[in-house]
Amino acid sequence: MRLRDTQVLGRLVRWRIPGTPGDLAFDEMFRRAPFTVLEESEHALLAGIVGRIWTLRRDYPRLENAEEFRRWSAPGTARVLFASWAEPLEGGGAALSSEARVEAFGAQGRIGLATVRPLVRGFQHLIGSDGIAVAVRRAEGAPADEGPRGAAEPSSADR
C-alpha cells in the first residue's frame, strides 16, 4: 500500500515528514531515512526515528543501526519505535497489528512531545481505518487509489 492510496493518513505522514513522495509504500517508508530498521522478520518490522519529531523542519538525525537507536538520549528530543506484525489466526489468515512507543528526553523533549500529542491522538485511528478501507477496495476489485464510492484518483497535489 502506498501513501497516496490512503485517504488522509498518507497526506498526514507527508505533512509531518516533508519530502516524502506519495508513491512511496508504507513498508518502504519505514526502511529509509529518517527511519532506521531496528529488527525485521518475515512477519514483523520494528523501525525507529529520533529527533525533534514535533517540528516540520525534518529534524531527524540519521542513525546507522539499532544500537544507535537504543543508546539515543539527546536532551530536547524523542525516540519513537514503530512495530508492525502479523499473527496467524486459528483456521487460517492473519491478524495485522501495529503499535508505537515514544520516549522524550529532557524538559524540552517532554514539552515538544506534549505539543504533538493531541495531533497523534486525533489521527491514530487512521492507521487502522485508512489501511482497512484500501484493503476492502482491493478485495472488492476496485483500484487501491480509488476513493470511497468511486471517487476520482487523488489529484497531483496529493501525490
C-alpha atoms as a PDB file:
ATOM      1  CA  MET A   1       0.000   0.000   0.000  1.00  0.00           C
ATOM      2  CA  ARG A   2       1.344   3.420  -0.964  1.00  0.00           C
ATOM      3  CA  LEU A   3       0.919   6.654   0.958  1.00  0.00           C
ATOM      4  CA  ARG A   4      -1.304   8.052  -1.789  1.00  0.00           C
ATOM      5  CA  ASP A   5      -3.633   5.034  -1.516  1.00  0.00           C
ATOM      6  CA  THR A   6      -4.961   6.221   1.846  1.00  0.00           C
ATOM      7  CA  GLN A   7      -7.478   8.998   2.192  1.00  0.00           C
ATOM      8  CA  VAL A   8      -5.889  11.067   4.974  1.00  0.00           C
ATOM      9  CA  LEU A   9      -3.067   9.087   6.564  1.00  0.00           C
ATOM     10  CA  GLY A  10      -0.680   9.438   3.627  1.00  0.00           C
ATOM     11  CA  ARG A  11      -1.154  13.200   3.458  1.00  0.00           C
ATOM     12  CA  LEU A  12      -0.663  13.479   7.199  1.00  0.00           C
ATOM     13  CA  VAL A  13       2.600  11.488   7.034  1.00  0.00           C
ATOM     14  CA  ARG A  14       3.852  13.638   4.156  1.00  0.00           C
ATOM     15  CA  TRP A  15       2.996  16.800   6.099  1.00  0.00           C
ATOM     16  CA  ARG A  16       4.921  15.563   9.173  1.00  0.00           C
ATOM     17  CA  ILE A  17       7.877  14.266   7.113  1.00  0.00           C
ATOM     18  CA  PRO A  18       8.327  16.825   4.319  1.00  0.00           C
ATOM     19  CA  GLY A  19       9.770  15.496   1.078  1.00  0.00           C
ATOM     20  CA  THR A  20       8.187  12.055   1.397  1.00  0.00           C
ATOM     21  CA  PRO A  21       6.762  11.082  -2.013  1.00  0.00           C
ATOM     22  CA  GLY A  22       3.134   9.987  -2.266  1.00  0.00           C
ATOM     23  CA  ASP A  23       4.013   6.935  -4.366  1.00  0.00           C
ATOM     24  CA  LEU A  24       6.185   5.541  -1.559  1.00  0.00           C
ATOM     25  CA  ALA A  25       4.886   2.317   0.012  1.00  0.00           C
ATOM     26  CA  PHE A  26       4.426   2.373   3.786  1.00  0.00           C
ATOM     27  CA  ASP A  27       6.781  -0.603   4.061  1.00  0.00           C
ATOM     28  CA  GLU A  28       9.450   1.295   2.116  1.00  0.00           C
ATOM     29  CA  MET A  29       8.913   4.432   4.198  1.00  0.00           C
ATOM     30  CA  PHE A  30       9.895   2.627   7.403  1.00  0.00           C
ATOM     31  CA  ARG A  31      13.002   1.225   5.697  1.00  0.00           C
ATOM     32  CA  ARG A  32      14.558   4.551   4.647  1.00  0.00           C
ATOM     33  CA  ALA A  33      15.720   7.743   6.310  1.00  0.00           C
ATOM     34  CA  PRO A  34      14.612   9.281   8.560  1.00  0.00           C
ATOM     35  CA  PHE A  35      13.640   5.839   9.915  1.00  0.00           C
ATOM     36  CA  THR A  36      16.056   3.115  10.986  1.00  0.00           C
ATOM     37  CA  VAL A  37      15.165  -0.564  10.745  1.00  0.00           C
ATOM     38  CA  LEU A  38      15.700  -2.000  14.215  1.00  0.00           C
ATOM     39  CA  GLU A  39      14.606  -5.577  13.638  1.00  0.00           C
ATOM     40  CA  GLU A  40      12.727  -7.485  10.991  1.00  0.00           C
ATOM     41  CA  SER A  41      11.486 -10.939  10.228  1.00  0.00           C
ATOM     42  CA  GLU A  42       9.175 -12.478   7.666  1.00  0.00           C
ATOM     43  CA  HIS A  43       6.099 -11.223   9.548  1.00  0.00           C
ATOM     44  CA  ALA A  44       7.346  -8.248  11.582  1.00  0.00           C
ATOM     45  CA  LEU A  45       9.120  -4.921  11.231  1.00  0.00           C
ATOM     46  CA  LEU A  46      10.397  -2.663  14.003  1.00  0.00           C
ATOM     47  CA  ALA A  47      11.586   0.767  12.908  1.00  0.00           C
ATOM     48  CA  GLY A  48      12.605   3.837  14.830  1.00  0.00           C
ATOM     49  CA  ILE A  49      13.022   7.546  14.385  1.00  0.00           C
ATOM     50  CA  VAL A  50      14.709  10.064  16.686  1.00  0.00           C
ATOM     51  CA  GLY A  51      14.851  13.829  16.926  1.00  0.00           C
ATOM     52  CA  ARG A  52      12.526  16.751  17.399  1.00  0.00           C
ATOM     53  CA  ILE A  53       9.509  14.935  15.979  1.00  0.00           C
ATOM     54  CA  TRP A  54       7.188  17.865  16.684  1.00  0.00           C
ATOM     55  CA  THR A  55       8.845  20.195  14.147  1.00  0.00           C
ATOM     56  CA  LEU A  56       8.286  20.379  10.389  1.00  0.00           C
ATOM     57  CA  ARG A  57      11.979  21.052   9.742  1.00  0.00           C
ATOM     58  CA  ARG A  58      12.788  17.391   9.195  1.00  0.00           C
ATOM     59  CA  ASP A  59      14.924  17.495  12.308  1.00  0.00           C
ATOM     60  CA  TYR A  60      15.632  13.758  12.391  1.00  0.00           C
ATOM     61  CA  PRO A  61      19.254  12.674  12.896  1.00  0.00           C
ATOM     62  CA  ARG A  62      20.258   9.738  10.730  1.00  0.00           C
ATOM     63  CA  LEU A  63      21.096   6.613  12.688  1.00  0.00           C
ATOM     64  CA  GLU A  64      23.191   3.824  11.240  1.00  0.00           C
ATOM     65  CA  ASN A  65      21.837   0.898  13.232  1.00  0.00           C
ATOM     66  CA  ALA A  66      19.614  -0.398  16.009  1.00  0.00           C
ATOM     67  CA  GLU A  67      22.326   0.044  18.646  1.00  0.00           C
ATOM     68  CA  GLU A  68      22.486   3.798  17.959  1.00  0.00           C
ATOM     69  CA  PHE A  69      18.708   3.926  18.393  1.00  0.00           C
ATOM     70  CA  ARG A  70      18.904   2.070  21.710  1.00  0.00           C
ATOM     71  CA  ARG A  71      21.613   4.440  23.005  1.00  0.00           C
ATOM     72  CA  TRP A  72      19.834   7.621  21.829  1.00  0.00           C
ATOM     73  CA  SER A  73      19.093  10.049  24.678  1.00  0.00           C
ATOM     74  CA  ALA A  74      19.877  13.560  23.399  1.00  0.00           C
ATOM     75  CA  PRO A  75      18.140  16.202  25.561  1.00  0.00           C
ATOM     76  CA  GLY A  76      15.333  18.060  23.812  1.00  0.00           C
ATOM     77  CA  THR A  77      14.465  15.149  21.521  1.00  0.00           C
ATOM     78  CA  ALA A  78      12.367  11.997  21.425  1.00  0.00           C
ATOM     79  CA  ARG A  79      12.823   8.421  20.345  1.00  0.00           C
ATOM     80  CA  VAL A  80       9.898   6.657  18.622  1.00  0.00           C
ATOM     81  CA  LEU A  81       9.528   2.942  17.976  1.00  0.00           C
ATOM     82  CA  PHE A  82       7.058   1.679  15.354  1.00  0.00           C
ATOM     83  CA  ALA A  83       6.200  -2.021  15.343  1.00  0.00           C
ATOM     84  CA  SER A  84       4.075  -3.819  12.752  1.00  0.00           C
ATOM     85  CA  TRP A  85       3.476  -7.541  12.691  1.00  0.00           C
ATOM     86  CA  ALA A  86       1.135 -10.291  11.533  1.00  0.00           C
ATOM     87  CA  GLU A  87      -0.025 -13.117  13.793  1.00  0.00           C
ATOM     88  CA  PRO A  88      -1.573 -16.281  12.369  1.00  0.00           C
ATOM     89  CA  LEU A  89      -5.218 -16.879  13.232  1.00  0.00           C
ATOM     90  CA  GLU A  90      -6.770 -20.230  14.032  1.00  0.00           C
ATOM     91  CA  GLY A  91      -8.344 -21.537  10.875  1.00  0.00           C
ATOM     92  CA  GLY A  92      -6.067 -19.513   8.602  1.00  0.00           C
ATOM     93  CA  GLY A  93      -5.404 -15.909   7.784  1.00  0.00           C
ATOM     94  CA  ALA A  94      -3.568 -13.429   9.947  1.00  0.00           C
ATOM     95  CA  ALA A  95      -4.261 -10.534  12.274  1.00  0.00           C
ATOM     96  CA  LEU A  96      -2.294  -7.394  11.493  1.00  0.00           C
ATOM     97  CA  SER A  97      -1.110  -5.292  14.415  1.00  0.00           C
ATOM     98  CA  SER A  98       0.801  -2.065  14.857  1.00  0.00           C
ATOM     99  CA  GLU A  99       1.995  -0.171  17.857  1.00  0.00           C
ATOM    100  CA  ALA A 100       4.127   2.902  18.553  1.00  0.00           C
ATOM    101  CA  ARG A 101       6.059   3.837  21.674  1.00  0.00           C
ATOM    102  CA  VAL A 102       7.564   7.266  22.371  1.00  0.00           C
ATOM    103  CA  GLU A 103      10.177   8.385  24.884  1.00  0.00           C
ATOM    104  CA  ALA A 104      11.066  12.058  25.364  1.00  0.00           C
ATOM    105  CA  PHE A 105      14.415  13.252  26.731  1.00  0.00           C
ATOM    106  CA  GLY A 106      14.788  16.316  28.928  1.00  0.00           C
ATOM    107  CA  ALA A 107      12.332  19.086  29.692  1.00  0.00           C
ATOM    108  CA  GLN A 108      12.345  20.433  26.122  1.00  0.00           C
ATOM    109  CA  GLY A 109      11.705  16.951  24.773  1.00  0.00           C
ATOM    110  CA  ARG A 110       8.725  16.492  27.084  1.00  0.00           C
ATOM    111  CA  ILE A 111       7.354  19.931  26.106  1.00  0.00           C
ATOM    112  CA  GLY A 112       7.812  19.220  22.399  1.00  0.00           C
ATOM    113  CA  LEU A 113       6.153  15.844  22.713  1.00  0.00           C
ATOM    114  CA  ALA A 114       3.244  17.414  24.597  1.00  0.00           C
ATOM    115  CA  THR A 115       2.668  19.797  21.645  1.00  0.00           C
ATOM    116  CA  VAL A 116       2.330  16.971  19.116  1.00  0.00           C
ATOM    117  CA  ARG A 117       0.442  14.514  21.337  1.00  0.00           C
ATOM    118  CA  PRO A 118      -3.054  15.942  20.501  1.00  0.00           C
ATOM    119  CA  LEU A 119      -2.280  15.520  16.785  1.00  0.00           C
ATOM    120  CA  VAL A 120      -1.293  11.901  17.329  1.00  0.00           C
ATOM    121  CA  ARG A 121      -4.375  11.173  19.446  1.00  0.00           C
ATOM    122  CA  GLY A 122      -6.645  12.826  16.918  1.00  0.00           C
ATOM    123  CA  PHE A 123      -5.375  10.819  13.969  1.00  0.00           C
ATOM    124  CA  GLN A 124      -4.123   7.492  15.373  1.00  0.00           C
ATOM    125  CA  HIS A 125      -7.334   5.740  14.314  1.00  0.00           C
ATOM    126  CA  LEU A 126      -6.362   6.340  10.666  1.00  0.00           C
ATOM    127  CA  ILE A 127      -3.653   3.703  10.909  1.00  0.00           C
ATOM    128  CA  GLY A 128      -6.373   1.074  11.000  1.00  0.00           C
ATOM    129  CA  SER A 129      -9.254   2.735   9.194  1.00  0.00           C
ATOM    130  CA  ASP A 130      -7.455   4.176   6.138  1.00  0.00           C
ATOM    131  CA  GLY A 131      -5.487   0.978   5.604  1.00  0.00           C
ATOM    132  CA  ILE A 132      -8.527  -1.225   6.042  1.00  0.00           C
ATOM    133  CA  ALA A 133     -10.508   0.907   3.591  1.00  0.00           C
ATOM    134  CA  VAL A 134      -7.826   0.363   0.939  1.00  0.00           C
ATOM    135  CA  ALA A 135      -7.741  -3.377   1.643  1.00  0.00           C
ATOM    136  CA  VAL A 136     -11.526  -3.599   1.291  1.00  0.00           C
ATOM    137  CA  ARG A 137     -11.448  -1.682  -2.018  1.00  0.00           C
ATOM    138  CA  ARG A 138      -8.768  -4.063  -3.311  1.00  0.00           C
ATOM    139  CA  ALA A 139     -10.742  -7.118  -2.165  1.00  0.00           C
ATOM    140  CA  GLU A 140     -13.823  -5.780  -3.960  1.00  0.00           C
ATOM    141  CA  GLY A 141     -11.777  -5.384  -7.123  1.00  0.00           C
ATOM    142  CA  ALA A 142     -11.516  -1.580  -7.111  1.00  0.00           C
ATOM    143  CA  PRO A 143      -8.134   0.062  -7.662  1.00  0.00           C
ATOM    144  CA  ALA A 144      -6.378   0.904  -4.380  1.00  0.00           C
ATOM    145  CA  ASP A 145      -6.206   4.609  -5.218  1.00  0.00           C
ATOM    146  CA  GLU A 146      -9.922   4.871  -5.951  1.00  0.00           C
ATOM    147  CA  GLY A 147     -11.575   6.652  -3.070  1.00  0.00           C
ATOM    148  CA  PRO A 148     -14.821   5.756  -1.357  1.00  0.00           C
ATOM    149  CA  ARG A 149     -17.902   5.346  -3.558  1.00  0.00           C
ATOM    150  CA  GLY A 150     -15.853   5.567  -6.756  1.00  0.00           C
ATOM    151  CA  ALA A 151     -14.227   8.932  -6.085  1.00  0.00           C
ATOM    152  CA  ALA A 152     -11.664  10.026  -8.613  1.00  0.00           C
ATOM    153  CA  GLU A 153      -7.967   9.287  -8.273  1.00  0.00           C
ATOM    154  CA  PRO A 154      -6.175  11.754  -5.961  1.00  0.00           C
ATOM    155  CA  SER A 155      -5.036  14.958  -7.579  1.00  0.00           C
ATOM    156  CA  SER A 156      -1.360  15.593  -8.330  1.00  0.00           C
ATOM    157  CA  ALA A 157      -1.248  17.770  -5.214  1.00  0.00           C
ATOM    158  CA  ASP A 158      -1.957  14.645  -3.162  1.00  0.00           C
ATOM    159  CA  ARG A 159       0.978  12.702  -4.609  1.00  0.00           C
END
